[in-house]
Amino acid sequence: MTSGESPAAAPRETRDASAHIEPGTLVSRRYRVVSWLGEGAMGAVYRVEDVKTRKPLALKVLHASMSSLREAVARFEREAIAAGKIGHPNVAAATDFGRMPDGSFFLVLEFVAGRTLRAELDHGALDPRRAIRIMQGVVAGVAAAHAKGIVHRDLKPENIMLVEHDGNPDFVKVLDFGIAKVSDVSSAGHGNVAQTLTKAGTVIGTPDYMSPEQALGRAVDARSDLYSLGVVLYELLTGSAPFRGGAATLLRQQVMEQPPPLPDDLAYGGDPGLDDMLQKLLAKKPEERFQSADELMAVLDTVAGTLAVKGVLHDFGLRDRGGSAAGRLLRRMLRHLPRASVARLTGRRVALVLGVLFAVTVAVVFFAFGRGQDRGALDSPSRPLSSALPSTIPPSRAGPSRAAPPAQPAPVVPASKGPASRKTK
């Protein structure tokens, strides 16, 4: 069901000869085999093409040696029913189920070209923001399964694929419902009557991710899957599962020991709500955990929003508490955005948005300043330059080049000795 490994990389002698199908073979008159993808204990997986729609698909073929085992066939058929019943973008869908000419059963599944979450964890712990985004996709698919009365019972990084979808490189696909518990009713509420294909007391699943009740061989419901998701999330954040050891040790720890808290050096301080959420997911008693995947999703959305704010502030070198005025302003801006939008923010995106806003602000300020200068010049009345200059310059302000011209002597008028005499005729 996955791609990424070369079919030639696997030795031919490890394949079940009866299950080996050559490229070009037509299965059920509809699916043309393209290449071999992988093999497990129960069967082999091939990439095929629907000859009618040209759509790539995955063909899982149960080994002939397993086809005679009623339990193996029942689980194979159960995977077909479960994966075909859910119908959600975050779940790899099953589209067909049938039998080969040699009696081997086959299952046609959605072809998922990507990488497993286990491959991502091989590089170490994930950034908390990315871990929460991935977990939101997983929980969405699991919630859809629970709504159809299906409990996965084997949720682990190997059964979670990340694919490229609409620009999102971490789009989630939940795989492998081979040991799922399929209820006869449409709801996964507690007390459902389920198809029981394992004997009472049988432990089935992967010890590293089992809930306590599953480890004890007791009946499980949707809350058992939520415990497994808590283990997966803990591993995404820290790079290792909360419990480690052999199968017997792991089963004892799952039942009796409390999970360790998250490390203090989690990226940019983490979030107190994150540790609280994990402790509730990993509670030993089902009634003390989240009671549904929808309830868990609501808390994930809240944590995602908080981590996004803290992460963006960290990317800009700003503290989340107190700090600079720029930090407080950015924090207020982000907290007014919808949490779904904030959760998708990264430092690069915020830098781009802030850069655009800064450029627009500068342009508006310069435009307004220019308009103000022009308006001031237009509002001033026009008058000759000479009339704008002062008629006299005070001596204290007069410089050497603007000294007043020397005063001209007033004309001397001789004083008369007496009143002017009038001439009379």
Protein backbone atom coordinates (compact mmCIF):
# COMPACT_ATOMS: atom_id res chain seq x y z
CA MET A 1 0.00 0.00 0.00
CA THR A 2 2.96 2.25 0.23
CA SER A 3 5.53 3.31 -2.30
CA GLY A 4 9.06 4.50 -1.79
CA GLU A 5 10.94 1.19 -1.72
CA SER A 6 12.13 -0.43 -4.90
CA PRO A 7 10.46 -3.79 -5.59
CA ALA A 8 13.84 -5.18 -6.65
CA ALA A 9 15.23 -4.48 -3.19
CA ALA A 10 13.43 -7.50 -1.71
CA PRO A 11 14.87 -10.96 -2.32
CA ARG A 12 12.59 -13.18 -4.37
CA GLU A 13 13.12 -16.18 -2.11
CA THR A 14 11.33 -14.43 0.77
CA ARG A 15 8.09 -14.28 -1.17
CA ASP A 16 5.40 -16.90 -1.01
CA ALA A 17 5.63 -18.54 -4.41
CA SER A 18 1.89 -19.13 -4.58
CA ALA A 19 1.21 -15.44 -3.87
CA HIS A 20 3.83 -14.06 -6.25
CA ILE A 21 2.17 -12.34 -9.21
CA GLU A 22 4.12 -11.21 -12.26
CA PRO A 23 3.74 -7.64 -13.57
CA GLY A 24 1.13 -7.43 -16.30
CA THR A 25 -1.10 -10.09 -14.76
CA LEU A 26 -4.81 -9.22 -14.80
CA VAL A 27 -6.57 -9.91 -11.50
CA SER A 28 -10.33 -10.33 -11.43
CA ARG A 29 -10.43 -9.10 -15.06
CA ARG A 30 -9.97 -5.56 -13.81
CA TYR A 31 -6.69 -4.93 -11.95
CA ARG A 32 -3.41 -5.09 -13.88
CA VAL A 33 -0.36 -5.73 -11.69
CA VAL A 34 2.32 -3.04 -12.08
CA SER A 35 4.90 -3.92 -9.43
CA TRP A 36 5.52 -5.69 -6.13
CA LEU A 37 5.52 -3.34 -3.11
CA GLY A 38 6.10 -5.41 -0.01
CA GLU A 39 5.27 -8.50 1.98
CA GLY A 40 4.19 -9.44 5.48
CA ALA A 41 3.46 -12.60 7.41
CA MET A 42 -0.04 -12.89 5.98
CA GLY A 43 0.39 -11.74 2.40
CA ALA A 44 2.01 -9.60 -0.26
CA VAL A 45 1.11 -6.14 -1.54
CA TYR A 46 1.26 -5.02 -5.18
CA ARG A 47 0.72 -1.82 -7.04
CA VAL A 48 -2.01 -2.32 -9.62
CA GLU A 49 -3.95 -0.22 -12.09
CA ASP A 50 -7.68 -0.26 -12.65
CA VAL A 51 -7.97 -0.99 -16.38
CA LYS A 52 -11.27 0.89 -16.55
CA THR A 53 -10.37 4.10 -14.73
CA ARG A 54 -6.53 3.97 -14.99
CA LYS A 55 -6.45 4.73 -11.28
CA PRO A 56 -3.47 3.40 -9.25
CA LEU A 57 -4.50 1.05 -6.45
CA ALA A 58 -2.93 -1.35 -3.97
CA LEU A 59 -3.68 -5.07 -4.12
CA LYS A 60 -3.15 -7.06 -0.93
CA VAL A 61 -3.09 -10.81 -1.53
CA LEU A 62 -3.41 -13.29 1.33
CA HIS A 63 -0.85 -16.07 1.07
CA ALA A 64 -2.34 -19.36 -0.09
CA SER A 65 -0.99 -21.02 3.03
CA MET A 66 -3.01 -18.57 5.14
CA SER A 67 -6.17 -18.79 3.07
CA SER A 68 -7.08 -22.10 4.66
CA LEU A 69 -7.07 -20.56 8.15
CA ARG A 70 -10.52 -19.36 9.09
CA GLU A 71 -9.16 -16.75 11.50
CA ALA A 72 -6.81 -15.26 8.88
CA VAL A 73 -9.53 -15.07 6.26
CA ALA A 74 -11.95 -13.52 8.76
CA ARG A 75 -9.43 -10.79 9.65
CA PHE A 76 -8.71 -10.16 5.99
CA GLU A 77 -12.40 -9.78 5.28
CA ARG A 78 -12.81 -7.60 8.34
CA GLU A 79 -10.20 -5.17 7.01
CA ALA A 80 -12.15 -4.95 3.75
CA ILE A 81 -15.38 -4.23 5.61
CA ALA A 82 -13.85 -1.70 8.01
CA ALA A 83 -11.80 0.25 5.47
CA GLY A 84 -14.67 0.28 2.98
CA LYS A 85 -17.20 1.38 5.57
CA ILE A 86 -15.52 4.49 6.96
CA GLY A 87 -15.24 6.73 3.89
CA HIS A 88 -13.05 9.54 5.26
CA PRO A 89 -10.14 11.42 3.60
CA ASN A 90 -7.82 10.52 6.49
CA VAL A 91 -8.45 6.77 6.13
CA ALA A 92 -7.08 4.60 3.31
CA ALA A 93 -10.22 3.20 1.70
CA ALA A 94 -10.91 -0.38 0.57
CA THR A 95 -12.74 -0.69 -2.74
CA ASP A 96 -12.95 -4.42 -3.57
CA PHE A 97 -12.60 -7.88 -2.09
CA GLY A 98 -12.46 -11.23 -3.85
CA ARG A 99 -10.70 -14.54 -4.49
CA MET A 100 -7.89 -15.52 -6.84
CA PRO A 101 -8.11 -18.58 -9.14
CA ASP A 102 -5.78 -20.49 -6.77
CA GLY A 103 -8.08 -19.78 -3.84
CA SER A 104 -6.10 -16.90 -2.34
CA PHE A 105 -8.12 -13.94 -1.14
CA PHE A 106 -7.33 -10.42 -2.32
CA LEU A 107 -8.22 -6.96 -1.12
CA VAL A 108 -8.08 -3.79 -3.25
CA LEU A 109 -7.13 -0.66 -1.33
CA GLU A 110 -6.46 3.00 -2.00
CA PHE A 111 -2.86 3.42 -3.16
CA VAL A 112 -1.05 5.62 -0.64
CA ALA A 113 2.27 7.00 -1.89
CA GLY A 114 4.08 8.52 1.03
CA ARG A 115 6.10 7.73 4.14
CA THR A 116 5.14 6.20 7.44
CA LEU A 117 5.21 8.12 10.67
CA ARG A 118 7.82 5.60 11.81
CA ALA A 119 10.13 6.80 9.03
CA GLU A 120 9.70 10.38 10.29
CA LEU A 121 10.49 9.32 13.85
CA ASP A 122 13.72 7.73 12.67
CA HIS A 123 15.00 11.33 12.43
CA GLY A 124 14.04 12.14 16.02
CA ALA A 125 11.26 14.03 17.78
CA LEU A 126 9.03 16.40 15.83
CA ASP A 127 8.44 20.09 16.44
CA PRO A 128 5.41 20.28 18.80
CA ARG A 129 3.41 22.34 16.31
CA ARG A 130 3.94 19.76 13.58
CA ALA A 131 3.23 16.88 15.95
CA ILE A 132 -0.12 18.39 16.92
CA ARG A 133 -1.06 19.06 13.28
CA ILE A 134 -0.34 15.44 12.37
CA MET A 135 -2.26 14.20 15.38
CA GLN A 136 -5.27 16.28 14.35
CA GLY A 137 -5.35 14.39 11.05
CA VAL A 138 -5.03 11.04 12.81
CA VAL A 139 -7.81 11.86 15.27
CA ALA A 140 -10.07 13.00 12.42
CA GLY A 141 -9.69 9.60 10.71
CA VAL A 142 -10.10 7.69 13.97
CA ALA A 143 -13.20 9.70 14.88
CA ALA A 144 -14.75 8.74 11.53
CA ALA A 145 -13.99 5.08 12.24
CA HIS A 146 -15.50 5.28 15.72
CA ALA A 147 -18.62 6.91 14.30
CA LYS A 148 -19.07 3.79 12.13
CA GLY A 149 -18.64 1.46 15.10
CA ILE A 150 -15.03 0.52 14.29
CA VAL A 151 -12.23 0.39 16.87
CA HIS A 152 -8.81 0.13 15.18
CA ARG A 153 -6.94 -1.66 18.04
CA ASP A 154 -3.53 -1.31 16.38
CA LEU A 155 -2.79 2.40 16.09
CA LYS A 156 0.97 2.96 15.85
CA PRO A 157 3.41 4.98 13.70
CA GLU A 158 3.75 2.09 11.22
CA ASN A 159 0.02 2.31 10.46
CA ILE A 160 -0.03 6.07 9.91
CA MET A 161 1.09 7.44 6.54
CA LEU A 162 1.99 11.02 5.60
CA VAL A 163 1.27 12.00 1.99
CA GLU A 164 1.35 15.16 -0.12
CA HIS A 165 -2.16 16.56 -0.56
CA ASP A 166 -3.13 20.06 -1.72
CA GLY A 167 0.21 21.52 -0.66
CA ASN A 168 0.18 19.79 2.73
CA PRO A 169 3.16 17.38 2.99
CA ASP A 170 1.81 15.89 6.23
CA PHE A 171 -1.68 14.85 5.16
CA VAL A 172 -2.58 11.77 7.23
CA LYS A 173 -3.81 8.38 6.06
CA VAL A 174 -4.69 5.78 8.71
CA LEU A 175 -4.02 2.22 7.50
CA ASP A 176 -4.45 -1.43 8.38
CA PHE A 177 -7.77 -2.28 9.99
CA GLY A 178 -6.90 -5.98 9.96
CA ILE A 179 -7.52 -6.46 13.68
CA ALA A 180 -10.21 -3.81 14.01
CA LYS A 181 -13.25 -4.43 16.14
CA VAL A 182 -16.26 -3.89 13.88
CA SER A 183 -19.58 -3.28 15.64
CA ASP A 184 -22.90 -4.34 14.27
CA VAL A 185 -24.37 -0.92 14.97
CA SER A 186 -23.54 2.48 13.50
CA SER A 187 -22.30 4.08 16.72
CA ALA A 188 -19.19 3.25 18.69
CA GLY A 189 -20.78 4.02 22.03
CA HIS A 190 -20.04 1.84 25.02
CA GLY A 191 -21.79 -1.50 25.24
CA ASN A 192 -22.01 -2.22 21.51
CA VAL A 193 -22.34 -5.77 20.33
CA ALA A 194 -19.28 -6.48 18.19
CA GLN A 195 -18.07 -9.20 15.87
CA THR A 196 -15.79 -11.20 18.15
CA LEU A 197 -13.08 -12.96 16.18
CA THR A 198 -10.69 -13.52 19.07
CA LYS A 199 -11.20 -15.64 22.16
CA ALA A 200 -11.76 -14.02 25.55
CA GLY A 201 -8.45 -13.27 27.26
CA THR A 202 -6.49 -13.21 23.99
CA VAL A 203 -4.04 -10.32 23.74
CA ILE A 204 -3.97 -8.92 20.24
CA GLY A 205 -2.12 -5.81 19.01
CA THR A 206 1.30 -4.20 19.48
CA PRO A 207 2.46 -4.14 23.15
CA ASP A 208 4.15 -0.73 22.84
CA TYR A 209 0.82 0.97 22.10
CA MET A 210 -1.76 -1.19 23.89
CA SER A 211 -4.20 0.22 26.38
CA PRO A 212 -4.23 -1.43 29.82
CA GLU A 213 -7.53 -3.18 29.13
CA GLN A 214 -6.24 -4.42 25.78
CA ALA A 215 -3.05 -5.70 27.43
CA LEU A 216 -5.18 -7.65 29.91
CA GLY A 217 -7.22 -9.23 27.12
CA ARG A 218 -10.42 -7.48 28.17
CA ALA A 219 -13.11 -6.00 25.96
CA VAL A 220 -12.13 -2.67 24.40
CA ASP A 221 -14.02 0.29 23.01
CA ALA A 222 -13.15 3.58 21.34
CA ARG A 223 -11.32 4.81 24.45
CA SER A 224 -8.70 2.11 23.94
CA ASP A 225 -7.73 3.75 20.64
CA LEU A 226 -7.38 7.08 22.44
CA TYR A 227 -4.84 5.54 24.80
CA SER A 228 -2.84 4.31 21.80
CA LEU A 229 -2.97 7.80 20.33
CA GLY A 230 -1.55 9.15 23.59
CA VAL A 231 1.44 6.83 23.24
CA VAL A 232 1.92 7.91 19.61
CA LEU A 233 1.76 11.61 20.53
CA TYR A 234 4.23 11.15 23.38
CA GLU A 235 6.62 9.51 20.93
CA LEU A 236 6.20 12.32 18.40
CA LEU A 237 7.09 14.92 21.03
CA THR A 238 10.01 13.13 22.70
CA GLY A 239 11.33 10.71 20.08
CA SER A 240 10.60 7.62 22.19
CA ALA A 241 7.56 5.86 23.64
CA PRO A 242 6.75 6.38 27.34
CA PHE A 243 7.37 2.69 28.10
CA ARG A 244 10.18 0.53 26.74
CA GLY A 245 11.29 -3.07 27.09
CA GLY A 246 10.33 -6.56 26.03
CA ALA A 247 6.73 -7.61 25.40
CA ALA A 248 6.12 -8.83 28.95
CA THR A 249 7.71 -5.71 30.46
CA LEU A 250 5.71 -3.43 28.21
CA LEU A 251 2.42 -5.11 29.05
CA ARG A 252 3.16 -4.77 32.78
CA GLN A 253 4.10 -1.09 32.40
CA GLN A 254 0.98 -0.32 30.39
CA VAL A 255 -1.16 -1.79 33.16
CA MET A 256 0.66 -0.65 36.30
CA GLU A 257 3.06 2.27 35.72
CA GLN A 258 2.29 5.94 35.26
CA PRO A 259 3.72 7.56 32.12
CA PRO A 260 6.60 9.98 32.66
CA PRO A 261 5.85 13.71 32.20
CA LEU A 262 7.11 15.56 29.18
CA PRO A 263 10.71 16.82 29.46
CA ASP A 264 11.23 20.42 30.59
CA ASP A 265 13.38 21.23 27.56
CA LEU A 266 10.53 20.73 25.09
CA ALA A 267 10.80 23.22 22.21
CA TYR A 268 10.03 26.85 23.18
CA GLY A 269 8.64 25.80 26.53
CA GLY A 270 5.84 23.62 25.19
CA ASP A 271 2.44 24.21 26.73
CA PRO A 272 1.08 23.12 30.13
CA GLY A 273 -2.11 22.01 28.40
CA LEU A 274 -0.08 19.58 26.30
CA ASP A 275 1.16 17.60 29.30
CA ASP A 276 -2.31 17.64 30.87
CA MET A 277 -3.78 16.27 27.65
CA LEU A 278 -1.22 13.46 27.50
CA GLN A 279 -1.76 12.46 31.13
CA LYS A 280 -5.49 12.22 30.48
CA LEU A 281 -5.00 10.21 27.29
CA LEU A 282 -2.72 7.76 29.12
CA ALA A 283 -4.94 7.28 32.17
CA LYS A 284 -5.12 3.65 33.25
CA LYS A 285 -8.90 3.61 33.59
CA PRO A 286 -10.98 4.23 30.43
CA GLU A 287 -13.46 6.41 32.33
CA GLU A 288 -10.63 8.80 33.28
CA ARG A 289 -9.60 9.41 29.66
CA PHE A 290 -11.27 11.50 27.00
CA GLN A 291 -14.55 9.82 26.27
CA SER A 292 -14.55 10.35 22.51
CA ALA A 293 -12.27 11.34 19.66
CA ASP A 294 -14.37 14.48 19.15
CA GLU A 295 -13.65 15.55 22.74
CA LEU A 296 -9.96 14.98 22.15
CA MET A 297 -10.08 16.97 18.90
CA ALA A 298 -11.49 20.02 20.69
CA VAL A 299 -8.58 19.99 23.14
CA LEU A 300 -6.09 19.45 20.31
CA ASP A 301 -7.43 22.55 18.55
CA THR A 302 -6.92 24.64 21.69
CA VAL A 303 -3.39 23.35 22.24
CA ALA A 304 -2.57 23.87 18.56
CA GLY A 305 -3.57 27.53 18.77
CA THR A 306 -1.50 28.14 21.90
CA LEU A 307 1.55 26.37 20.50
CA ALA A 308 1.27 28.30 17.25
CA VAL A 309 1.42 31.64 19.11
CA LYS A 310 4.36 30.51 21.25
CA GLY A 311 6.15 29.05 18.24
CA VAL A 312 5.81 32.16 16.09
CA LEU A 313 7.03 34.37 18.94
CA HIS A 314 9.94 31.98 19.41
CA ASP A 315 10.78 32.17 15.69
CA PHE A 316 11.04 35.96 16.00
CA GLY A 317 13.13 35.78 19.16
CA LEU A 318 10.34 37.21 21.27
CA ARG A 319 9.24 36.03 24.69
CA ASP A 320 5.69 34.85 25.24
CA ARG A 321 5.32 36.41 28.69
CA GLY A 322 6.01 40.10 29.05
CA GLY A 323 8.85 40.90 26.67
CA SER A 324 9.03 43.71 24.18
CA ALA A 325 6.22 45.86 22.90
CA ALA A 326 6.60 44.16 19.51
CA GLY A 327 6.14 40.77 21.16
CA ARG A 328 3.01 41.89 22.98
CA LEU A 329 1.59 43.40 19.79
CA LEU A 330 2.26 40.25 17.77
CA ARG A 331 0.78 38.08 20.51
CA ARG A 332 -2.42 40.12 20.57
CA MET A 333 -2.69 40.00 16.80
CA LEU A 334 -2.31 36.22 16.68
CA ARG A 335 -4.78 35.62 19.49
CA HIS A 336 -7.47 37.49 17.60
CA LEU A 337 -7.15 35.11 14.65
CA PRO A 338 -9.18 31.88 14.46
CA ARG A 339 -7.27 29.04 16.13
CA ALA A 340 -7.48 26.95 12.97
CA SER A 341 -5.68 29.73 11.06
CA VAL A 342 -3.10 30.32 13.77
CA ALA A 343 -2.26 26.62 13.93
CA ARG A 344 -1.15 26.75 10.28
CA LEU A 345 1.13 29.74 10.77
CA THR A 346 4.88 29.43 10.58
CA GLY A 347 7.60 31.99 11.20
CA ARG A 348 8.18 32.37 7.45
CA ARG A 349 4.51 33.02 6.75
CA VAL A 350 4.20 35.56 9.54
CA ALA A 351 7.38 37.29 8.36
CA LEU A 352 5.90 37.55 4.87
CA VAL A 353 2.62 38.96 6.18
CA LEU A 354 4.37 41.46 8.45
CA GLY A 355 6.68 42.48 5.62
CA VAL A 356 3.73 43.21 3.35
CA LEU A 357 1.95 45.14 6.10
CA PHE A 358 5.09 47.18 6.78
CA ALA A 359 5.50 48.04 3.10
CA VAL A 360 1.86 49.09 2.82
CA THR A 361 2.13 51.19 5.99
CA VAL A 362 5.24 52.99 4.72
CA ALA A 363 3.57 53.66 1.37
CA VAL A 364 0.49 55.10 3.06
CA VAL A 365 2.58 57.35 5.35
CA PHE A 366 4.62 58.74 2.46
CA PHE A 367 1.51 59.28 0.39
CA ALA A 368 -0.20 61.12 3.25
CA PHE A 369 2.93 63.20 3.93
CA GLY A 370 3.23 64.17 0.27
CA ARG A 371 -0.42 65.13 0.10
CA GLY A 372 -0.02 67.26 3.23
CA GLN A 373 2.96 69.14 1.79
CA ASP A 374 1.17 69.79 -1.48
CA ARG A 375 -1.95 70.98 0.30
CA GLY A 376 0.08 73.37 2.51
CA ALA A 377 1.70 74.92 -0.53
CA LEU A 378 -1.65 75.35 -2.28
CA ASP A 379 -3.30 76.90 0.77
CA SER A 380 -0.63 79.71 1.06
CA PRO A 381 -1.74 83.02 -0.72
CA SER A 382 0.44 84.11 -3.63
CA ARG A 383 2.26 87.43 -3.18
CA PRO A 384 5.35 89.10 -4.64
CA LEU A 385 8.67 88.27 -3.09
CA SER A 386 9.32 91.93 -2.25
CA SER A 387 6.14 92.20 -0.27
CA ALA A 388 7.10 89.15 1.76
CA LEU A 389 10.34 90.75 2.97
CA PRO A 390 10.34 93.09 5.97
CA SER A 391 10.61 96.78 5.12
CA THR A 392 13.20 97.40 7.79
CA ILE A 393 15.76 95.12 9.40
CA PRO A 394 16.41 95.58 13.09
CA PRO A 395 20.01 96.50 13.86
CA SER A 396 20.44 93.46 16.06
CA ARG A 397 19.59 91.17 13.12
CA ALA A 398 21.39 93.14 10.42
CA GLY A 399 24.52 91.45 9.26
CA PRO A 400 27.49 93.11 7.66
CA SER A 401 26.21 92.51 4.20
CA ARG A 402 22.83 94.08 5.03
CA ALA A 403 24.09 97.24 6.85
CA ALA A 404 21.85 100.29 6.56
CA PRO A 405 23.14 103.01 4.19
CA PRO A 406 24.72 106.10 5.89
CA ALA A 407 22.23 108.81 6.80
CA GLN A 408 22.18 111.84 4.50
CA PRO A 409 22.56 115.31 6.21
CA ALA A 410 19.34 117.24 6.39
CA PRO A 411 19.25 120.49 4.39
CA VAL A 412 20.19 123.54 6.43
CA VAL A 413 17.53 126.25 6.47
CA PRO A 414 18.85 129.71 7.59
CA ALA A 415 16.95 131.08 10.48
CA SER A 416 15.12 134.38 9.82
CA LYS A 417 15.81 137.29 12.11
CA GLY A 418 12.23 138.19 12.43
CA PRO A 419 8.90 137.80 10.91
CA ALA A 420 8.87 137.97 7.22
CA SER A 421 7.98 141.46 5.98
CA ARG A 422 5.24 141.85 3.50
CA LYS A 423 5.66 144.15 0.61
CA THR A 424 2.88 146.60 0.24
CA LYS A 425 2.18 148.61 -2.68
